[in-house]
Amino acid sequence: MNEGSTLVVDARGMRCPWPALRLARAMRDAPDVLLIADDPQAGHEVRALAREHGWSVEAGTATVDEGRWRVRR
């Protein structure tokens, strides 16, 4: 699913490390990915992966956006 030029990766229901693995795979081809995940560990995994690759991460700020991370190269 795409949201404008942002690739959306829906990893709800998946436990870590799967959301981070899905993100890494999507980032191979897309410079801008919105990851949606409900695993409590996903935020930690996403931030660690982004640090390792030099990507920027924006976490959702509103309550309805919890579990959403926009990752950019």
PDB file of N, CA and C in Angstrom:
ATOM      1  N   MET A   1       0.851  -1.165   0.000  1.00  0.00           N
ATOM      2  CA  MET A   1       0.000   0.000   0.000  1.00  0.00           C
ATOM      3  C   MET A   1       0.898   1.229   0.000  1.00  0.00           C
ATOM      4  N   ASN A   2       0.556   2.238  -0.748  1.00  0.00           N
ATOM      5  CA  ASN A   2       1.327   3.474  -0.792  1.00  0.00           C
ATOM      6  C   ASN A   2       0.512   4.641  -0.285  1.00  0.00           C
ATOM      7  N   GLU A   3       1.157   5.540   0.400  1.00  0.00           N
ATOM      8  CA  GLU A   3       0.543   6.777   0.896  1.00  0.00           C
ATOM      9  C   GLU A   3       1.332   7.905   0.244  1.00  0.00           C
ATOM     10  N   GLY A   4       0.886   8.353  -0.942  1.00  0.00           N
ATOM     11  CA  GLY A   4       1.671   9.312  -1.716  1.00  0.00           C
ATOM     12  C   GLY A   4       2.902   8.611  -2.232  1.00  0.00           C
ATOM     13  N   SER A   5       4.079   9.172  -1.981  1.00  0.00           N
ATOM     14  CA  SER A   5       5.319   8.529  -2.394  1.00  0.00           C
ATOM     15  C   SER A   5       5.923   7.692  -1.265  1.00  0.00           C
ATOM     16  N   THR A   6       5.204   7.604  -0.164  1.00  0.00           N
ATOM     17  CA  THR A   6       5.663   6.828   0.985  1.00  0.00           C
ATOM     18  C   THR A   6       5.158   5.400   0.870  1.00  0.00           C
ATOM     19  N   LEU A   7       6.066   4.438   0.997  1.00  0.00           N
ATOM     20  CA  LEU A   7       5.684   3.030   1.014  1.00  0.00           C
ATOM     21  C   LEU A   7       5.186   2.698   2.417  1.00  0.00           C
ATOM     22  N   VAL A   8       4.021   2.081   2.527  1.00  0.00           N
ATOM     23  CA  VAL A   8       3.464   1.705   3.825  1.00  0.00           C
ATOM     24  C   VAL A   8       3.668   0.209   4.029  1.00  0.00           C
ATOM     25  N   VAL A   9       4.282  -0.140   5.162  1.00  0.00           N
ATOM     26  CA  VAL A   9       4.501  -1.535   5.528  1.00  0.00           C
ATOM     27  C   VAL A   9       3.676  -1.805   6.780  1.00  0.00           C
ATOM     28  N   ASP A  10       2.678  -2.662   6.644  1.00  0.00           N
ATOM     29  CA  ASP A  10       1.802  -3.001   7.765  1.00  0.00           C
ATOM     30  C   ASP A  10       2.289  -4.302   8.396  1.00  0.00           C
ATOM     31  N   ALA A  11       2.909  -4.185   9.565  1.00  0.00           N
ATOM     32  CA  ALA A  11       3.447  -5.349  10.258  1.00  0.00           C
ATOM     33  C   ALA A  11       2.674  -5.626  11.549  1.00  0.00           C
ATOM     34  N   ARG A  12       1.428  -5.170  11.613  1.00  0.00           N
ATOM     35  CA  ARG A  12       0.616  -5.437  12.806  1.00  0.00           C
ATOM     36  C   ARG A  12       0.399  -6.939  12.937  1.00  0.00           C
ATOM     37  N   GLY A  13       0.491  -7.407  14.177  1.00  0.00           N
ATOM     38  CA  GLY A  13       0.318  -8.827  14.446  1.00  0.00           C
ATOM     39  C   GLY A  13       1.619  -9.610  14.355  1.00  0.00           C
ATOM     40  N   MET A  14       2.675  -8.984  13.885  1.00  0.00           N
ATOM     41  CA  MET A  14       3.981  -9.647  13.783  1.00  0.00           C
ATOM     42  C   MET A  14       4.814  -9.290  15.004  1.00  0.00           C
ATOM     43  N   ARG A  15       5.540 -10.243  15.499  1.00  0.00           N
ATOM     44  CA  ARG A  15       6.420 -10.024  16.644  1.00  0.00           C
ATOM     45  C   ARG A  15       7.844  -9.795  16.158  1.00  0.00           C
ATOM     46  N   CYS A  16       8.589  -9.009  16.923  1.00  0.00           N
ATOM     47  CA  CYS A  16       9.980  -8.722  16.552  1.00  0.00           C
ATOM     48  C   CYS A  16      10.759 -10.031  16.517  1.00  0.00           C
ATOM     49  N   PRO A  17      11.610 -10.129  15.535  1.00  0.00           N
ATOM     50  CA  PRO A  17      12.205  -9.089  14.712  1.00  0.00           C
ATOM     51  C   PRO A  17      11.487  -8.830  13.385  1.00  0.00           C
ATOM     52  N   TRP A  18      10.324  -9.443  13.139  1.00  0.00           N
ATOM     53  CA  TRP A  18       9.684  -9.345  11.822  1.00  0.00           C
ATOM     54  C   TRP A  18       9.360  -7.928  11.364  1.00  0.00           C
ATOM     55  N   PRO A  19       8.839  -7.027  12.214  1.00  0.00           N
ATOM     56  CA  PRO A  19       8.601  -5.662  11.726  1.00  0.00           C
ATOM     57  C   PRO A  19       9.888  -4.981  11.238  1.00  0.00           C
ATOM     58  N   ALA A  20      10.989  -5.161  11.975  1.00  0.00           N
ATOM     59  CA  ALA A  20      12.265  -4.561  11.565  1.00  0.00           C
ATOM     60  C   ALA A  20      12.777  -5.199  10.280  1.00  0.00           C
ATOM     61  N   LEU A  21      12.597  -6.490  10.136  1.00  0.00           N
ATOM     62  CA  LEU A  21      13.024  -7.162   8.908  1.00  0.00           C
ATOM     63  C   LEU A  21      12.211  -6.676   7.711  1.00  0.00           C
ATOM     64  N   ARG A  22      10.909  -6.501   7.915  1.00  0.00           N
ATOM     65  CA  ARG A  22      10.061  -5.971   6.835  1.00  0.00           C
ATOM     66  C   ARG A  22      10.479  -4.560   6.464  1.00  0.00           C
ATOM     67  N   LEU A  23      10.814  -3.746   7.472  1.00  0.00           N
ATOM     68  CA  LEU A  23      11.278  -2.389   7.221  1.00  0.00           C
ATOM     69  C   LEU A  23      12.572  -2.407   6.416  1.00  0.00           C
ATOM     70  N   ALA A  24      13.532  -3.217   6.832  1.00  0.00           N
ATOM     71  CA  ALA A  24      14.818  -3.288   6.136  1.00  0.00           C
ATOM     72  C   ALA A  24      14.631  -3.695   4.680  1.00  0.00           C
ATOM     73  N   ARG A  25      13.754  -4.630   4.448  1.00  0.00           N
ATOM     74  CA  ARG A  25      13.490  -5.075   3.068  1.00  0.00           C
ATOM     75  C   ARG A  25      12.871  -3.952   2.237  1.00  0.00           C
ATOM     76  N   ALA A  26      11.931  -3.228   2.818  1.00  0.00           N
ATOM     77  CA  ALA A  26      11.269  -2.131   2.106  1.00  0.00           C
ATOM     78  C   ALA A  26      12.243  -0.996   1.807  1.00  0.00           C
ATOM     79  N   MET A  27      13.174  -0.748   2.723  1.00  0.00           N
ATOM     80  CA  MET A  27      14.123   0.350   2.547  1.00  0.00           C
ATOM     81  C   MET A  27      15.142   0.068   1.450  1.00  0.00           C
ATOM     82  N   ARG A  28      15.240  -1.168   0.987  1.00  0.00           N
ATOM     83  CA  ARG A  28      16.136  -1.473  -0.136  1.00  0.00           C
ATOM     84  C   ARG A  28      15.728  -0.697  -1.384  1.00  0.00           C
ATOM     85  N   ASP A  29      14.409  -0.562  -1.585  1.00  0.00           N
ATOM     86  CA  ASP A  29      13.887   0.046  -2.809  1.00  0.00           C
ATOM     87  C   ASP A  29      13.227   1.399  -2.613  1.00  0.00           C
ATOM     88  N   ALA A  30      12.788   1.686  -1.402  1.00  0.00           N
ATOM     89  CA  ALA A  30      12.047   2.928  -1.155  1.00  0.00           C
ATOM     90  C   ALA A  30      12.838   3.834  -0.210  1.00  0.00           C
ATOM     91  N   PRO A  31      12.930   5.118  -0.521  1.00  0.00           N
ATOM     92  CA  PRO A  31      13.649   6.036   0.364  1.00  0.00           C
ATOM     93  C   PRO A  31      12.803   6.538   1.539  1.00  0.00           C
ATOM     94  N   ASP A  32      11.496   6.243   1.525  1.00  0.00           N
ATOM     95  CA  ASP A  32      10.568   6.761   2.532  1.00  0.00           C
ATOM     96  C   ASP A  32       9.543   5.673   2.840  1.00  0.00           C
ATOM     97  N   VAL A  33       9.576   5.150   4.074  1.00  0.00           N
ATOM     98  CA  VAL A  33       8.700   4.043   4.458  1.00  0.00           C
ATOM     99  C   VAL A  33       7.958   4.402   5.738  1.00  0.00           C
ATOM    100  N   LEU A  34       6.657   4.111   5.764  1.00  0.00           N
ATOM    101  CA  LEU A  34       5.859   4.232   6.983  1.00  0.00           C
ATOM    102  C   LEU A  34       5.618   2.821   7.492  1.00  0.00           C
ATOM    103  N   LEU A  35       6.171   2.505   8.654  1.00  0.00           N
ATOM    104  CA  LEU A  35       5.995   1.189   9.265  1.00  0.00           C
ATOM    105  C   LEU A  35       4.904   1.283  10.308  1.00  0.00           C
ATOM    106  N   ILE A  36       3.969   0.350  10.242  1.00  0.00           N
ATOM    107  CA  ILE A  36       2.908   0.246  11.246  1.00  0.00           C
ATOM    108  C   ILE A  36       3.103  -1.096  11.937  1.00  0.00           C
ATOM    109  N   ALA A  37       3.312  -1.069  13.252  1.00  0.00           N
ATOM    110  CA  ALA A  37       3.550  -2.303  14.001  1.00  0.00           C
ATOM    111  C   ALA A  37       2.991  -2.154  15.406  1.00  0.00           C
ATOM    112  N   ASP A  38       2.514  -3.263  15.953  1.00  0.00           N
ATOM    113  CA  ASP A  38       1.931  -3.209  17.298  1.00  0.00           C
ATOM    114  C   ASP A  38       2.733  -3.979  18.347  1.00  0.00           C
ATOM    115  N   ASP A  39       3.880  -4.510  17.981  1.00  0.00           N
ATOM    116  CA  ASP A  39       4.739  -5.175  18.953  1.00  0.00           C
ATOM    117  C   ASP A  39       5.397  -4.098  19.815  1.00  0.00           C
ATOM    118  N   PRO A  40       5.339  -4.220  21.138  1.00  0.00           N
ATOM    119  CA  PRO A  40       5.929  -3.211  22.015  1.00  0.00           C
ATOM    120  C   PRO A  40       7.434  -3.016  21.793  1.00  0.00           C
ATOM    121  N   GLN A  41       8.133  -3.995  21.277  1.00  0.00           N
ATOM    122  CA  GLN A  41       9.569  -3.899  21.039  1.00  0.00           C
ATOM    123  C   GLN A  41       9.904  -3.254  19.699  1.00  0.00           C
ATOM    124  N   ALA A  42       8.921  -3.035  18.852  1.00  0.00           N
ATOM    125  CA  ALA A  42       9.166  -2.541  17.496  1.00  0.00           C
ATOM    126  C   ALA A  42       9.888  -1.191  17.493  1.00  0.00           C
ATOM    127  N   GLY A  43       9.503  -0.283  18.366  1.00  0.00           N
ATOM    128  CA  GLY A  43      10.138   1.029  18.399  1.00  0.00           C
ATOM    129  C   GLY A  43      11.635   0.937  18.648  1.00  0.00           C
ATOM    130  N   HIS A  44      12.003   0.101  19.585  1.00  0.00           N
ATOM    131  CA  HIS A  44      13.417  -0.097  19.893  1.00  0.00           C
ATOM    132  C   HIS A  44      14.152  -0.685  18.685  1.00  0.00           C
ATOM    133  N   GLU A  45      13.554  -1.687  18.072  1.00  0.00           N
ATOM    134  CA  GLU A  45      14.163  -2.349  16.905  1.00  0.00           C
ATOM    135  C   GLU A  45      14.294  -1.386  15.730  1.00  0.00           C
ATOM    136  N   VAL A  46      13.267  -0.592  15.492  1.00  0.00           N
ATOM    137  CA  VAL A  46      13.281   0.364  14.373  1.00  0.00           C
ATOM    138  C   VAL A  46      14.374   1.402  14.586  1.00  0.00           C
ATOM    139  N   ARG A  47      14.463   1.941  15.787  1.00  0.00           N
ATOM    140  CA  ARG A  47      15.485   2.955  16.063  1.00  0.00           C
ATOM    141  C   ARG A  47      16.896   2.391  15.933  1.00  0.00           C
ATOM    142  N   ALA A  48      17.109   1.174  16.417  1.00  0.00           N
ATOM    143  CA  ALA A  48      18.427   0.546  16.319  1.00  0.00           C
ATOM    144  C   ALA A  48      18.808   0.303  14.856  1.00  0.00           C
ATOM    145  N   LEU A  49      17.869  -0.184  14.077  1.00  0.00           N
ATOM    146  CA  LEU A  49      18.112  -0.436  12.659  1.00  0.00           C
ATOM    147  C   LEU A  49      18.410   0.866  11.922  1.00  0.00           C
ATOM    148  N   ALA A  50      17.664   1.900  12.231  1.00  0.00           N
ATOM    149  CA  ALA A  50      17.868   3.196  11.586  1.00  0.00           C
ATOM    150  C   ALA A  50      19.244   3.778  11.944  1.00  0.00           C
ATOM    151  N   ARG A  51      19.631   3.665  13.204  1.00  0.00           N
ATOM    152  CA  ARG A  51      20.960   4.144  13.619  1.00  0.00           C
ATOM    153  C   ARG A  51      22.055   3.418  12.846  1.00  0.00           C
ATOM    154  N   GLU A  52      21.904   2.119  12.717  1.00  0.00           N
ATOM    155  CA  GLU A  52      22.902   1.292  12.040  1.00  0.00           C
ATOM    156  C   GLU A  52      23.069   1.692  10.573  1.00  0.00           C
ATOM    157  N   HIS A  53      21.971   2.099   9.930  1.00  0.00           N
ATOM    158  CA  HIS A  53      21.999   2.412   8.498  1.00  0.00           C
ATOM    159  C   HIS A  53      22.041   3.911   8.196  1.00  0.00           C
ATOM    160  N   GLY A  54      21.951   4.744   9.223  1.00  0.00           N
ATOM    161  CA  GLY A  54      21.979   6.188   9.009  1.00  0.00           C
ATOM    162  C   GLY A  54      20.660   6.758   8.511  1.00  0.00           C
ATOM    163  N   TRP A  55      19.554   6.090   8.803  1.00  0.00           N
ATOM    164  CA  TRP A  55      18.231   6.560   8.406  1.00  0.00           C
ATOM    165  C   TRP A  55      17.669   7.461   9.495  1.00  0.00           C
ATOM    166  N   SER A  56      16.728   8.339   9.118  1.00  0.00           N
ATOM    167  CA  SER A  56      16.044   9.155  10.120  1.00  0.00           C
ATOM    168  C   SER A  56      14.697   8.512  10.433  1.00  0.00           C
ATOM    169  N   VAL A  57      14.270   8.668  11.679  1.00  0.00           N
ATOM    170  CA  VAL A  57      13.010   8.068  12.144  1.00  0.00           C
ATOM    171  C   VAL A  57      12.153   9.143  12.778  1.00  0.00           C
ATOM    172  N   GLU A  58      10.889   9.189  12.364  1.00  0.00           N
ATOM    173  CA  GLU A  58       9.896  10.058  12.992  1.00  0.00           C
ATOM    174  C   GLU A  58       8.815   9.157  13.563  1.00  0.00           C
ATOM    175  N   ALA A  59       8.632   9.172  14.866  1.00  0.00           N
ATOM    176  CA  ALA A  59       7.580   8.371  15.489  1.00  0.00           C
ATOM    177  C   ALA A  59       6.292   9.172  15.486  1.00  0.00           C
ATOM    178  N   GLY A  60       5.166   8.473  15.475  1.00  0.00           N
ATOM    179  CA  GLY A  60       3.878   9.146  15.567  1.00  0.00           C
ATOM    180  C   GLY A  60       3.787   9.903  16.875  1.00  0.00           C
ATOM    181  N   THR A  61       3.215  11.096  16.835  1.00  0.00           N
ATOM    182  CA  THR A  61       3.151  11.919  18.040  1.00  0.00           C
ATOM    183  C   THR A  61       1.777  11.893  18.689  1.00  0.00           C
ATOM    184  N   ALA A  62       0.724  11.716  17.901  1.00  0.00           N
ATOM    185  CA  ALA A  62      -0.631  11.680  18.464  1.00  0.00           C
ATOM    186  C   ALA A  62      -0.935  10.266  18.944  1.00  0.00           C
ATOM    187  N   THR A  63      -1.865  10.139  19.865  1.00  0.00           N
ATOM    188  CA  THR A  63      -2.230   8.833  20.405  1.00  0.00           C
ATOM    189  C   THR A  63      -2.629   7.862  19.298  1.00  0.00           C
ATOM    190  N   VAL A  64      -3.351   8.348  18.296  1.00  0.00           N
ATOM    191  CA  VAL A  64      -3.794   7.457  17.226  1.00  0.00           C
ATOM    192  C   VAL A  64      -2.632   7.000  16.357  1.00  0.00           C
ATOM    193  N   ASP A  65      -1.488   7.680  16.437  1.00  0.00           N
ATOM    194  CA  ASP A  65      -0.336   7.327  15.621  1.00  0.00           C
ATOM    195  C   ASP A  65       0.672   6.436  16.346  1.00  0.00           C
ATOM    196  N   GLU A  66       0.362   6.009  17.565  1.00  0.00           N
ATOM    197  CA  GLU A  66       1.286   5.126  18.259  1.00  0.00           C
ATOM    198  C   GLU A  66       1.441   3.859  17.425  1.00  0.00           C
ATOM    199  N   GLY A  67       2.657   3.377  17.339  1.00  0.00           N
ATOM    200  CA  GLY A  67       2.908   2.189  16.543  1.00  0.00           C
ATOM    201  C   GLY A  67       3.156   2.506  15.082  1.00  0.00           C
ATOM    202  N   ARG A  68       3.474   3.769  14.788  1.00  0.00           N
ATOM    203  CA  ARG A  68       3.784   4.187  13.417  1.00  0.00           C
ATOM    204  C   ARG A  68       5.113   4.919  13.422  1.00  0.00           C
ATOM    205  N   TRP A  69       5.976   4.535  12.486  1.00  0.00           N
ATOM    206  CA  TRP A  69       7.276   5.167  12.350  1.00  0.00           C
ATOM    207  C   TRP A  69       7.513   5.471  10.879  1.00  0.00           C
ATOM    208  N   ARG A  70       7.857   6.716  10.588  1.00  0.00           N
ATOM    209  CA  ARG A  70       8.226   7.088   9.212  1.00  0.00           C
ATOM    210  C   ARG A  70       9.747   7.078   9.161  1.00  0.00           C
ATOM    211  N   VAL A  71      10.288   6.277   8.280  1.00  0.00           N
ATOM    212  CA  VAL A  71      11.732   6.107   8.168  1.00  0.00           C
ATOM    213  C   VAL A  71      12.167   6.601   6.810  1.00  0.00           C
ATOM    214  N   ARG A  72      13.225   7.429   6.814  1.00  0.00           N
ATOM    215  CA  ARG A  72      13.721   8.006   5.556  1.00  0.00           C
ATOM    216  C   ARG A  72      15.234   7.853   5.467  1.00  0.00           C
ATOM    217  N   ARG A  73      15.679   7.709   4.217  1.00  0.00           N
ATOM    218  CA  ARG A  73      17.129   7.704   3.971  1.00  0.00           C
ATOM    219  C   ARG A  73      17.624   9.111   3.912  1.00  0.00           C
TER     220      ARG A  73
END
